[in-house]
N, C-alpha and C. Protein backbone atom coordinates (compact mmCIF):
# COMPACT_ATOMS: atom_id res chain seq x y z
N MET A 1 55.43 62.73 134.81
CA MET A 1 55.72 64.02 134.21
C MET A 1 57.18 64.38 134.47
N ASN A 2 57.79 65.04 133.55
CA ASN A 2 59.16 65.52 133.68
C ASN A 2 59.22 66.50 134.86
N ASP A 3 60.05 66.18 135.88
CA ASP A 3 60.16 67.05 137.06
C ASP A 3 60.63 68.45 136.70
N LYS A 4 61.36 68.59 135.61
CA LYS A 4 61.84 69.90 135.19
C LYS A 4 60.68 70.79 134.73
N LEU A 5 59.54 70.19 134.46
CA LEU A 5 58.37 70.96 134.02
C LEU A 5 57.36 71.16 135.15
N GLN A 6 57.81 70.96 136.38
CA GLN A 6 56.96 71.17 137.55
C GLN A 6 57.59 72.23 138.43
N GLU A 7 56.86 73.29 138.70
CA GLU A 7 57.33 74.35 139.58
C GLU A 7 56.69 74.14 140.95
N THR A 8 57.53 74.10 141.99
CA THR A 8 57.05 73.99 143.36
C THR A 8 57.76 75.08 144.17
N GLU A 9 56.99 75.97 144.76
CA GLU A 9 57.59 77.12 145.44
C GLU A 9 56.69 77.66 146.53
N VAL A 10 57.29 78.47 147.38
CA VAL A 10 56.54 79.25 148.36
C VAL A 10 56.92 80.71 148.15
N LYS A 11 55.93 81.57 148.28
CA LYS A 11 56.15 83.02 148.15
C LYS A 11 55.83 83.64 149.51
N LEU A 12 56.77 84.40 150.05
CA LEU A 12 56.64 85.00 151.37
C LEU A 12 56.71 86.52 151.27
N HIS A 13 55.73 87.20 151.86
CA HIS A 13 55.79 88.66 151.90
C HIS A 13 56.86 89.03 152.92
N SER A 14 57.95 89.60 152.46
CA SER A 14 59.10 89.87 153.33
C SER A 14 59.58 91.31 153.10
N PRO A 15 58.98 92.26 153.80
CA PRO A 15 59.29 93.68 153.58
C PRO A 15 60.77 94.02 153.73
N ASP A 16 61.47 93.37 154.67
CA ASP A 16 62.87 93.70 154.95
C ASP A 16 63.81 92.73 154.23
N LEU A 17 64.07 93.01 152.96
CA LEU A 17 64.93 92.11 152.18
C LEU A 17 66.39 92.16 152.65
N ALA A 18 66.80 93.26 153.27
CA ALA A 18 68.17 93.32 153.79
C ALA A 18 68.36 92.26 154.87
N ALA A 19 67.36 92.06 155.71
CA ALA A 19 67.44 91.02 156.75
C ALA A 19 67.48 89.63 156.13
N VAL A 20 66.73 89.42 155.06
CA VAL A 20 66.75 88.13 154.37
C VAL A 20 68.13 87.90 153.74
N ARG A 21 68.70 88.95 153.13
CA ARG A 21 70.05 88.83 152.55
C ARG A 21 71.07 88.47 153.63
N ASP A 22 70.96 89.09 154.81
CA ASP A 22 71.86 88.78 155.92
C ASP A 22 71.72 87.32 156.33
N ALA A 23 70.47 86.84 156.41
CA ALA A 23 70.23 85.44 156.79
C ALA A 23 70.79 84.49 155.74
N LEU A 24 70.67 84.85 154.46
CA LEU A 24 71.24 84.03 153.39
C LEU A 24 72.76 83.96 153.52
N GLY A 25 73.39 85.10 153.80
CA GLY A 25 74.84 85.11 153.97
C GLY A 25 75.27 84.26 155.14
N ALA A 26 74.56 84.36 156.25
CA ALA A 26 74.90 83.58 157.45
C ALA A 26 74.71 82.09 157.21
N ALA A 27 73.77 81.73 156.34
CA ALA A 27 73.50 80.31 156.05
C ALA A 27 74.42 79.74 154.99
N GLY A 28 75.28 80.59 154.40
CA GLY A 28 76.21 80.12 153.38
C GLY A 28 75.62 80.02 151.99
N ALA A 29 74.55 80.75 151.71
CA ALA A 29 73.94 80.73 150.38
C ALA A 29 74.90 81.34 149.36
N ARG A 30 74.78 80.88 148.13
CA ARG A 30 75.61 81.39 147.03
C ARG A 30 74.76 82.28 146.13
N LEU A 31 75.24 83.50 145.88
CA LEU A 31 74.56 84.39 144.95
C LEU A 31 74.80 83.86 143.54
N SER A 32 73.73 83.44 142.87
CA SER A 32 73.88 82.89 141.51
C SER A 32 73.57 83.91 140.43
N LYS A 33 72.75 84.93 140.76
CA LYS A 33 72.47 86.01 139.81
C LYS A 33 72.32 87.30 140.60
N PRO A 34 73.13 88.30 140.28
CA PRO A 34 73.00 89.57 140.99
C PRO A 34 71.67 90.25 140.64
N ARG A 35 71.38 91.32 141.34
CA ARG A 35 70.12 92.06 141.15
C ARG A 35 69.97 92.47 139.68
N VAL A 36 68.81 92.11 139.12
CA VAL A 36 68.53 92.41 137.72
C VAL A 36 67.10 92.91 137.58
N PHE A 37 66.89 93.80 136.62
CA PHE A 37 65.56 94.32 136.34
C PHE A 37 64.85 93.39 135.36
N GLU A 38 63.59 93.08 135.64
CA GLU A 38 62.77 92.23 134.77
C GLU A 38 61.58 93.01 134.25
N ARG A 39 61.31 92.82 132.97
CA ARG A 39 60.07 93.33 132.37
C ARG A 39 59.30 92.13 131.87
N ASN A 40 58.04 92.02 132.28
CA ASN A 40 57.21 90.87 131.94
C ASN A 40 55.95 91.33 131.21
N LEU A 41 55.65 90.67 130.11
CA LEU A 41 54.39 90.87 129.41
C LEU A 41 53.57 89.60 129.60
N ARG A 42 52.39 89.74 130.17
CA ARG A 42 51.51 88.59 130.34
C ARG A 42 50.40 88.69 129.30
N TYR A 43 50.27 87.65 128.50
CA TYR A 43 49.34 87.64 127.38
C TYR A 43 48.05 86.93 127.74
N ASP A 44 47.01 87.27 126.99
CA ASP A 44 45.72 86.62 127.16
C ASP A 44 45.05 86.54 125.79
N SER A 45 44.05 85.70 125.71
CA SER A 45 43.22 85.65 124.51
C SER A 45 42.28 86.85 124.54
N ALA A 46 41.66 87.14 123.42
CA ALA A 46 40.78 88.31 123.33
C ALA A 46 39.63 88.23 124.33
N ASP A 47 39.18 87.02 124.66
CA ASP A 47 38.06 86.86 125.60
C ASP A 47 38.50 86.71 127.06
N GLY A 48 39.80 86.82 127.31
CA GLY A 48 40.31 86.73 128.68
C GLY A 48 40.34 85.33 129.26
N ALA A 49 40.27 84.32 128.39
CA ALA A 49 40.15 82.93 128.84
C ALA A 49 41.38 82.42 129.58
N LEU A 50 42.58 82.86 129.19
CA LEU A 50 43.79 82.35 129.85
C LEU A 50 43.85 82.79 131.31
N MET A 51 43.73 84.07 131.54
CA MET A 51 43.80 84.57 132.92
C MET A 51 42.65 84.02 133.75
N ALA A 52 41.47 83.89 133.16
CA ALA A 52 40.31 83.35 133.88
C ALA A 52 40.56 81.91 134.33
N ALA A 53 41.34 81.16 133.54
CA ALA A 53 41.64 79.76 133.86
C ALA A 53 42.90 79.61 134.70
N GLY A 54 43.54 80.73 135.07
CA GLY A 54 44.76 80.65 135.86
C GLY A 54 45.98 80.28 135.05
N ILE A 55 45.89 80.38 133.73
CA ILE A 55 47.00 80.04 132.84
C ILE A 55 47.84 81.29 132.59
N VAL A 56 49.15 81.11 132.66
CA VAL A 56 50.08 82.21 132.41
C VAL A 56 50.80 81.95 131.08
N LEU A 57 50.75 82.93 130.20
CA LEU A 57 51.55 82.96 128.98
C LEU A 57 52.33 84.25 129.07
N ARG A 58 53.65 84.13 129.31
CA ARG A 58 54.45 85.30 129.68
C ARG A 58 55.71 85.40 128.84
N LEU A 59 56.04 86.61 128.46
CA LEU A 59 57.31 86.92 127.81
C LEU A 59 58.09 87.80 128.77
N ARG A 60 59.28 87.34 129.16
CA ARG A 60 60.09 88.04 130.17
C ARG A 60 61.42 88.46 129.56
N GLN A 61 61.85 89.66 129.92
CA GLN A 61 63.18 90.12 129.53
C GLN A 61 63.93 90.57 130.76
N ASP A 62 65.07 89.93 131.01
CA ASP A 62 66.03 90.39 131.99
C ASP A 62 67.39 90.31 131.30
N GLU A 63 68.30 89.47 131.76
CA GLU A 63 69.56 89.30 131.03
C GLU A 63 69.36 88.38 129.83
N ALA A 64 68.22 87.74 129.75
CA ALA A 64 67.84 86.88 128.62
C ALA A 64 66.36 87.14 128.31
N VAL A 65 65.87 86.49 127.28
CA VAL A 65 64.45 86.59 126.93
C VAL A 65 63.85 85.19 127.02
N LYS A 66 62.76 85.05 127.79
CA LYS A 66 62.16 83.74 127.99
C LYS A 66 60.65 83.81 127.77
N LEU A 67 60.14 82.77 127.12
CA LEU A 67 58.71 82.58 126.95
C LEU A 67 58.29 81.46 127.88
N THR A 68 57.24 81.72 128.68
CA THR A 68 56.83 80.78 129.72
C THR A 68 55.34 80.48 129.62
N TYR A 69 55.01 79.20 129.81
CA TYR A 69 53.62 78.76 129.97
C TYR A 69 53.51 78.14 131.35
N LYS A 70 52.50 78.56 132.13
CA LYS A 70 52.24 77.96 133.44
C LYS A 70 50.76 77.58 133.49
N ALA A 71 50.49 76.37 133.98
CA ALA A 71 49.12 75.93 134.18
C ALA A 71 48.60 76.47 135.50
N ASP A 72 47.31 76.30 135.73
CA ASP A 72 46.71 76.71 137.00
C ASP A 72 47.41 75.98 138.14
N ALA A 73 47.49 76.63 139.29
CA ALA A 73 48.26 76.11 140.42
C ALA A 73 47.38 75.42 141.44
N SER A 74 48.02 74.51 142.20
CA SER A 74 47.40 73.95 143.40
C SER A 74 48.29 74.32 144.58
N MET A 75 47.69 74.39 145.78
CA MET A 75 48.47 74.79 146.95
C MET A 75 48.19 73.86 148.12
N VAL A 76 49.28 73.44 148.79
CA VAL A 76 49.20 72.62 150.00
C VAL A 76 50.16 73.23 151.02
N ASP A 77 49.64 73.59 152.19
CA ASP A 77 50.45 74.17 153.27
C ASP A 77 51.25 75.39 152.81
N GLY A 78 50.64 76.20 151.95
CA GLY A 78 51.30 77.41 151.50
C GLY A 78 52.34 77.20 150.42
N ILE A 79 52.51 75.97 149.96
CA ILE A 79 53.46 75.66 148.88
C ILE A 79 52.66 75.44 147.60
N VAL A 80 53.03 76.17 146.56
CA VAL A 80 52.31 76.15 145.30
C VAL A 80 53.03 75.25 144.31
N SER A 81 52.26 74.42 143.61
CA SER A 81 52.83 73.56 142.56
C SER A 81 52.02 73.74 141.28
N ARG A 82 52.73 73.73 140.16
CA ARG A 82 52.05 73.75 138.88
C ARG A 82 53.01 73.40 137.75
N PHE A 83 52.42 72.99 136.63
CA PHE A 83 53.18 72.72 135.42
C PHE A 83 53.74 74.04 134.91
N GLU A 84 55.03 74.02 134.55
CA GLU A 84 55.67 75.20 133.97
C GLU A 84 56.63 74.76 132.88
N ALA A 85 56.47 75.34 131.70
CA ALA A 85 57.40 75.09 130.59
C ALA A 85 57.95 76.44 130.14
N GLU A 86 59.26 76.51 130.02
CA GLU A 86 59.90 77.78 129.69
C GLU A 86 61.00 77.53 128.66
N VAL A 87 61.12 78.45 127.73
CA VAL A 87 62.14 78.34 126.70
C VAL A 87 62.76 79.72 126.46
N GLU A 88 64.06 79.73 126.22
CA GLU A 88 64.73 80.98 125.89
C GLU A 88 64.55 81.28 124.41
N VAL A 89 64.26 82.54 124.11
CA VAL A 89 64.13 82.97 122.72
C VAL A 89 65.14 84.09 122.48
N SER A 90 65.43 84.35 121.22
CA SER A 90 66.53 85.27 120.93
C SER A 90 66.12 86.73 120.83
N ASP A 91 64.83 87.01 120.63
CA ASP A 91 64.43 88.38 120.32
C ASP A 91 63.08 88.71 120.97
N PHE A 92 63.09 89.62 121.94
CA PHE A 92 61.89 89.99 122.66
C PHE A 92 60.82 90.58 121.73
N GLU A 93 61.20 91.58 120.93
CA GLU A 93 60.24 92.27 120.08
C GLU A 93 59.62 91.33 119.05
N THR A 94 60.43 90.47 118.44
CA THR A 94 59.90 89.56 117.43
C THR A 94 58.98 88.53 118.05
N MET A 95 59.31 88.03 119.25
CA MET A 95 58.42 87.07 119.91
C MET A 95 57.10 87.74 120.27
N ASP A 96 57.14 89.00 120.68
CA ASP A 96 55.92 89.76 120.95
C ASP A 96 55.05 89.85 119.69
N VAL A 97 55.67 90.13 118.55
CA VAL A 97 54.94 90.21 117.28
C VAL A 97 54.30 88.86 116.96
N ILE A 98 55.04 87.77 117.14
CA ILE A 98 54.50 86.43 116.84
C ILE A 98 53.27 86.16 117.71
N LEU A 99 53.37 86.43 119.00
CA LEU A 99 52.24 86.16 119.90
C LEU A 99 51.02 87.01 119.52
N ARG A 100 51.25 88.26 119.18
CA ARG A 100 50.13 89.12 118.78
C ARG A 100 49.52 88.64 117.47
N ARG A 101 50.34 88.18 116.53
CA ARG A 101 49.84 87.66 115.26
C ARG A 101 49.04 86.37 115.46
N LEU A 102 49.35 85.65 116.53
CA LEU A 102 48.59 84.44 116.85
C LEU A 102 47.27 84.76 117.55
N GLY A 103 47.01 86.04 117.79
CA GLY A 103 45.74 86.45 118.37
C GLY A 103 45.78 86.79 119.85
N TYR A 104 46.96 86.71 120.46
CA TYR A 104 47.07 87.07 121.87
C TYR A 104 47.27 88.58 122.00
N ARG A 105 46.88 89.09 123.15
CA ARG A 105 47.08 90.51 123.46
C ARG A 105 47.78 90.61 124.81
N VAL A 106 48.45 91.72 125.05
CA VAL A 106 49.09 91.92 126.35
C VAL A 106 48.00 92.30 127.34
N GLY A 107 47.79 91.45 128.33
CA GLY A 107 46.78 91.71 129.34
C GLY A 107 47.34 92.50 130.51
N LEU A 108 48.66 92.39 130.73
CA LEU A 108 49.27 93.07 131.87
C LEU A 108 50.78 93.15 131.67
N ILE A 109 51.34 94.28 132.04
CA ILE A 109 52.79 94.44 132.09
C ILE A 109 53.16 94.54 133.57
N TYR A 110 54.17 93.77 133.98
CA TYR A 110 54.63 93.94 135.36
C TYR A 110 56.15 93.89 135.40
N GLU A 111 56.69 94.61 136.37
CA GLU A 111 58.14 94.76 136.51
C GLU A 111 58.56 94.36 137.91
N LYS A 112 59.82 93.97 138.00
CA LYS A 112 60.40 93.72 139.31
C LYS A 112 61.92 93.70 139.19
N TYR A 113 62.56 93.81 140.35
CA TYR A 113 63.99 93.56 140.47
C TYR A 113 64.13 92.23 141.20
N ARG A 114 65.06 91.41 140.73
CA ARG A 114 65.23 90.07 141.32
C ARG A 114 66.71 89.78 141.56
N ARG A 115 66.98 89.20 142.73
CA ARG A 115 68.32 88.72 143.10
C ARG A 115 68.15 87.24 143.41
N THR A 116 69.05 86.37 142.90
CA THR A 116 68.86 84.92 143.01
C THR A 116 70.02 84.27 143.74
N TYR A 117 69.66 83.38 144.68
CA TYR A 117 70.63 82.64 145.48
C TYR A 117 70.35 81.14 145.35
N GLU A 118 71.36 80.34 145.71
CA GLU A 118 71.20 78.89 145.84
C GLU A 118 71.56 78.51 147.27
N LEU A 119 70.70 77.67 147.87
CA LEU A 119 70.93 77.24 149.24
C LEU A 119 70.29 75.88 149.44
N GLU A 120 71.08 74.89 149.87
CA GLU A 120 70.56 73.56 150.22
C GLU A 120 69.78 72.91 149.08
N GLY A 121 70.17 73.18 147.84
CA GLY A 121 69.47 72.59 146.70
C GLY A 121 68.23 73.35 146.28
N ALA A 122 67.94 74.47 146.93
CA ALA A 122 66.79 75.30 146.58
C ALA A 122 67.25 76.58 145.90
N GLU A 123 66.37 77.15 145.10
CA GLU A 123 66.60 78.48 144.54
C GLU A 123 65.82 79.46 145.40
N VAL A 124 66.52 80.49 145.88
CA VAL A 124 65.89 81.52 146.71
C VAL A 124 66.03 82.84 145.97
N VAL A 125 64.89 83.48 145.71
CA VAL A 125 64.93 84.76 145.01
C VAL A 125 64.33 85.85 145.88
N LEU A 126 64.95 87.02 145.82
CA LEU A 126 64.46 88.20 146.52
C LEU A 126 63.91 89.14 145.46
N ASP A 127 62.61 89.39 145.55
CA ASP A 127 61.91 90.18 144.54
C ASP A 127 61.43 91.50 145.10
N GLU A 128 61.71 92.56 144.36
CA GLU A 128 61.22 93.90 144.68
C GLU A 128 60.22 94.28 143.60
N LEU A 129 58.95 94.39 143.99
CA LEU A 129 57.89 94.79 143.08
C LEU A 129 57.43 96.20 143.41
N PRO A 130 56.70 96.84 142.51
CA PRO A 130 56.25 98.20 142.80
C PRO A 130 55.42 98.32 144.06
N TYR A 131 54.78 97.25 144.51
CA TYR A 131 53.91 97.30 145.68
C TYR A 131 54.47 96.58 146.90
N GLY A 132 55.70 96.02 146.83
CA GLY A 132 56.25 95.36 148.01
C GLY A 132 57.36 94.38 147.69
N ASN A 133 57.94 93.82 148.75
CA ASN A 133 59.07 92.90 148.63
C ASN A 133 58.67 91.48 149.04
N PHE A 134 59.26 90.51 148.36
CA PHE A 134 58.91 89.12 148.57
C PHE A 134 60.13 88.23 148.45
N THR A 135 60.07 87.07 149.11
CA THR A 135 61.07 86.02 148.96
C THR A 135 60.36 84.80 148.40
N GLU A 136 60.91 84.22 147.34
CA GLU A 136 60.40 82.96 146.80
C GLU A 136 61.45 81.89 146.98
N ILE A 137 61.01 80.71 147.40
CA ILE A 137 61.91 79.57 147.55
C ILE A 137 61.34 78.45 146.69
N GLU A 138 62.17 77.96 145.77
CA GLU A 138 61.73 76.90 144.86
C GLU A 138 62.57 75.65 145.07
N GLY A 139 61.90 74.52 145.15
CA GLY A 139 62.54 73.22 145.35
C GLY A 139 61.46 72.22 145.68
N ASP A 140 61.84 71.06 146.20
CA ASP A 140 60.79 70.14 146.65
C ASP A 140 60.28 70.64 148.00
N ALA A 141 59.09 70.15 148.41
CA ALA A 141 58.42 70.67 149.60
C ALA A 141 59.29 70.57 150.85
N ALA A 142 59.97 69.44 151.04
CA ALA A 142 60.80 69.26 152.24
C ALA A 142 61.96 70.26 152.26
N THR A 143 62.59 70.47 151.10
CA THR A 143 63.70 71.43 151.01
C THR A 143 63.21 72.84 151.27
N ILE A 144 62.05 73.17 150.71
CA ILE A 144 61.48 74.50 150.94
C ILE A 144 61.29 74.75 152.43
N GLU A 145 60.68 73.80 153.13
CA GLU A 145 60.45 73.97 154.57
C GLU A 145 61.75 74.08 155.34
N ARG A 146 62.75 73.29 154.95
CA ARG A 146 64.06 73.35 155.63
C ARG A 146 64.69 74.73 155.44
N VAL A 147 64.63 75.27 154.23
CA VAL A 147 65.23 76.58 153.95
C VAL A 147 64.47 77.69 154.66
N VAL A 148 63.13 77.61 154.70
CA VAL A 148 62.35 78.59 155.46
C VAL A 148 62.82 78.61 156.91
N ASP A 149 63.01 77.43 157.51
CA ASP A 149 63.49 77.35 158.90
C ASP A 149 64.91 77.89 159.05
N MET A 150 65.81 77.49 158.14
CA MET A 150 67.20 77.95 158.21
C MET A 150 67.31 79.47 158.17
N LEU A 151 66.46 80.09 157.37
CA LEU A 151 66.53 81.54 157.18
C LEU A 151 65.66 82.30 158.18
N GLY A 152 64.93 81.59 159.02
CA GLY A 152 64.08 82.25 160.00
C GLY A 152 62.92 83.01 159.37
N LEU A 153 62.37 82.46 158.29
CA LEU A 153 61.32 83.16 157.55
C LEU A 153 59.91 82.72 157.93
N GLY A 154 59.80 81.89 158.95
CA GLY A 154 58.49 81.39 159.35
C GLY A 154 57.52 82.47 159.78
N ARG A 155 58.04 83.62 160.17
CA ARG A 155 57.16 84.71 160.62
C ARG A 155 56.52 85.46 159.45
N TYR A 156 57.03 85.24 158.24
CA TYR A 156 56.49 85.95 157.08
C TYR A 156 55.27 85.24 156.51
N ARG A 157 54.33 86.02 156.01
CA ARG A 157 53.08 85.49 155.46
C ARG A 157 53.32 84.78 154.13
N ARG A 158 52.78 83.57 154.01
CA ARG A 158 52.83 82.82 152.75
C ARG A 158 51.72 83.32 151.85
N MET A 159 52.08 83.59 150.61
CA MET A 159 51.15 84.18 149.66
C MET A 159 50.61 83.09 148.73
N ALA A 160 49.30 83.02 148.62
CA ALA A 160 48.68 82.00 147.78
C ALA A 160 48.70 82.38 146.31
N GLY A 161 48.59 83.65 146.01
CA GLY A 161 48.46 84.09 144.62
C GLY A 161 49.78 84.44 143.97
N SER A 162 49.70 84.63 142.68
CA SER A 162 50.85 85.10 141.91
C SER A 162 51.02 86.60 142.13
N TYR A 163 52.12 87.15 141.64
CA TYR A 163 52.30 88.60 141.73
C TYR A 163 51.19 89.32 140.98
N THR A 164 50.73 88.75 139.88
CA THR A 164 49.61 89.33 139.15
C THR A 164 48.35 89.32 140.00
N ASP A 165 48.06 88.19 140.65
CA ASP A 165 46.87 88.10 141.51
C ASP A 165 46.92 89.16 142.61
N ILE A 166 48.08 89.31 143.24
CA ILE A 166 48.22 90.29 144.33
C ILE A 166 48.00 91.69 143.79
N PHE A 167 48.59 92.00 142.65
CA PHE A 167 48.42 93.32 142.03
C PHE A 167 46.96 93.60 141.73
N LEU A 168 46.28 92.65 141.08
CA LEU A 168 44.89 92.86 140.71
C LEU A 168 44.01 93.04 141.95
N ASP A 169 44.30 92.29 143.02
CA ASP A 169 43.56 92.42 144.26
C ASP A 169 43.77 93.80 144.88
N LEU A 170 45.03 94.24 144.93
CA LEU A 170 45.33 95.56 145.49
C LEU A 170 44.67 96.66 144.66
N ARG A 171 44.76 96.54 143.36
CA ARG A 171 44.19 97.58 142.48
C ARG A 171 42.68 97.73 142.73
N GLU A 172 42.01 96.58 142.85
CA GLU A 172 40.56 96.62 143.07
C GLU A 172 40.21 97.12 144.47
N ARG A 173 40.83 96.54 145.49
CA ARG A 173 40.45 96.88 146.86
C ARG A 173 40.82 98.30 147.26
N LEU A 174 41.94 98.79 146.73
CA LEU A 174 42.38 100.14 147.08
C LEU A 174 41.93 101.19 146.07
N GLY A 175 41.29 100.74 145.00
CA GLY A 175 40.83 101.68 143.97
C GLY A 175 41.98 102.41 143.30
N LEU A 176 43.10 101.69 143.09
CA LEU A 176 44.28 102.32 142.50
C LEU A 176 44.04 102.64 141.03
N ASP A 177 44.44 103.82 140.62
CA ASP A 177 44.29 104.24 139.22
C ASP A 177 45.57 103.90 138.45
N VAL A 178 45.84 102.58 138.34
CA VAL A 178 47.02 102.10 137.61
C VAL A 178 46.57 101.00 136.67
N GLU A 179 47.12 101.00 135.48
CA GLU A 179 46.78 99.99 134.48
C GLU A 179 47.66 98.75 134.62
N ASP A 180 48.96 99.01 134.80
CA ASP A 180 49.93 97.93 134.86
C ASP A 180 50.72 98.01 136.16
N CYS A 181 51.48 96.97 136.44
CA CYS A 181 52.27 96.89 137.67
C CYS A 181 53.71 97.28 137.35
N THR A 182 53.90 98.57 137.08
CA THR A 182 55.24 99.08 136.75
C THR A 182 55.66 100.10 137.81
N PHE A 183 56.96 100.32 137.91
CA PHE A 183 57.46 101.27 138.89
C PHE A 183 57.00 102.69 138.56
N ASP A 184 56.92 103.03 137.27
CA ASP A 184 56.44 104.36 136.89
C ASP A 184 55.00 104.57 137.34
N GLU A 185 54.14 103.55 137.14
CA GLU A 185 52.73 103.70 137.50
C GLU A 185 52.54 103.78 139.02
N PHE A 186 53.46 103.21 139.78
CA PHE A 186 53.34 103.23 141.24
C PHE A 186 54.12 104.38 141.87
N ALA A 187 54.76 105.21 141.06
CA ALA A 187 55.49 106.36 141.60
C ALA A 187 54.52 107.23 142.39
N GLY A 188 54.86 107.50 143.64
CA GLY A 188 54.01 108.34 144.48
C GLY A 188 52.84 107.61 145.12
N VAL A 189 52.68 106.31 144.85
CA VAL A 189 51.60 105.53 145.43
C VAL A 189 52.15 104.78 146.65
N ASP A 190 51.57 105.01 147.81
CA ASP A 190 52.01 104.34 149.03
C ASP A 190 51.08 103.17 149.29
N VAL A 191 51.63 101.96 149.25
CA VAL A 191 50.82 100.75 149.42
C VAL A 191 51.21 100.07 150.71
N ASP A 192 50.23 99.84 151.58
CA ASP A 192 50.43 99.04 152.77
C ASP A 192 49.67 97.74 152.54
N LEU A 193 50.40 96.66 152.36
CA LEU A 193 49.74 95.38 152.04
C LEU A 193 48.83 94.93 153.16
N GLY A 194 49.20 95.20 154.40
CA GLY A 194 48.33 94.89 155.54
C GLY A 194 47.65 93.54 155.39
N ASP A 195 46.34 93.57 155.51
CA ASP A 195 45.58 92.31 155.40
C ASP A 195 44.99 92.11 154.00
N LEU A 196 45.51 92.85 153.02
CA LEU A 196 44.96 92.73 151.68
C LEU A 196 45.47 91.51 150.95
N VAL A 197 46.60 90.96 151.37
CA VAL A 197 47.22 89.87 150.61
C VAL A 197 47.30 88.61 151.43
């Protein structure tokens, strides 16, 4: 399989992103993309078959517009791997219309702020979501482990699920009255991830 179509990453719950940024600076990481706001639409079939199968069909808008397909993931030692194909498209609204005309519906909207670094051949992203902060490190497994050690991130919890999985779990367990994972919907909602994730 084309290695460019394989995503291998670890997601770490890291509440103090300022400390992670300091560690990145001390390690000589290069900021490749400054903090940017992302809006994501995750699509599903009318019967919910995509999400039930762990398949992601996502339209993302930040400084560009990208359509992404991800297969169900496997995890070994907290490192997640899965097939991922992504393509840039020119128009968010028109791509949304095409997907809806093909019979897909928006199953979830989620937002985040993301800052991206490069270190030791890995991509390190700092994500701020409405319910918490996370660090993702993408690369091969050995590089991921090396970067986790370099940055002193071993104390942070490795997350098995996607941001969508974490959101859906929190919404159910805490009885949150929110439809989507947006900053507006979480305004005034205090979330302590504790042992929920």
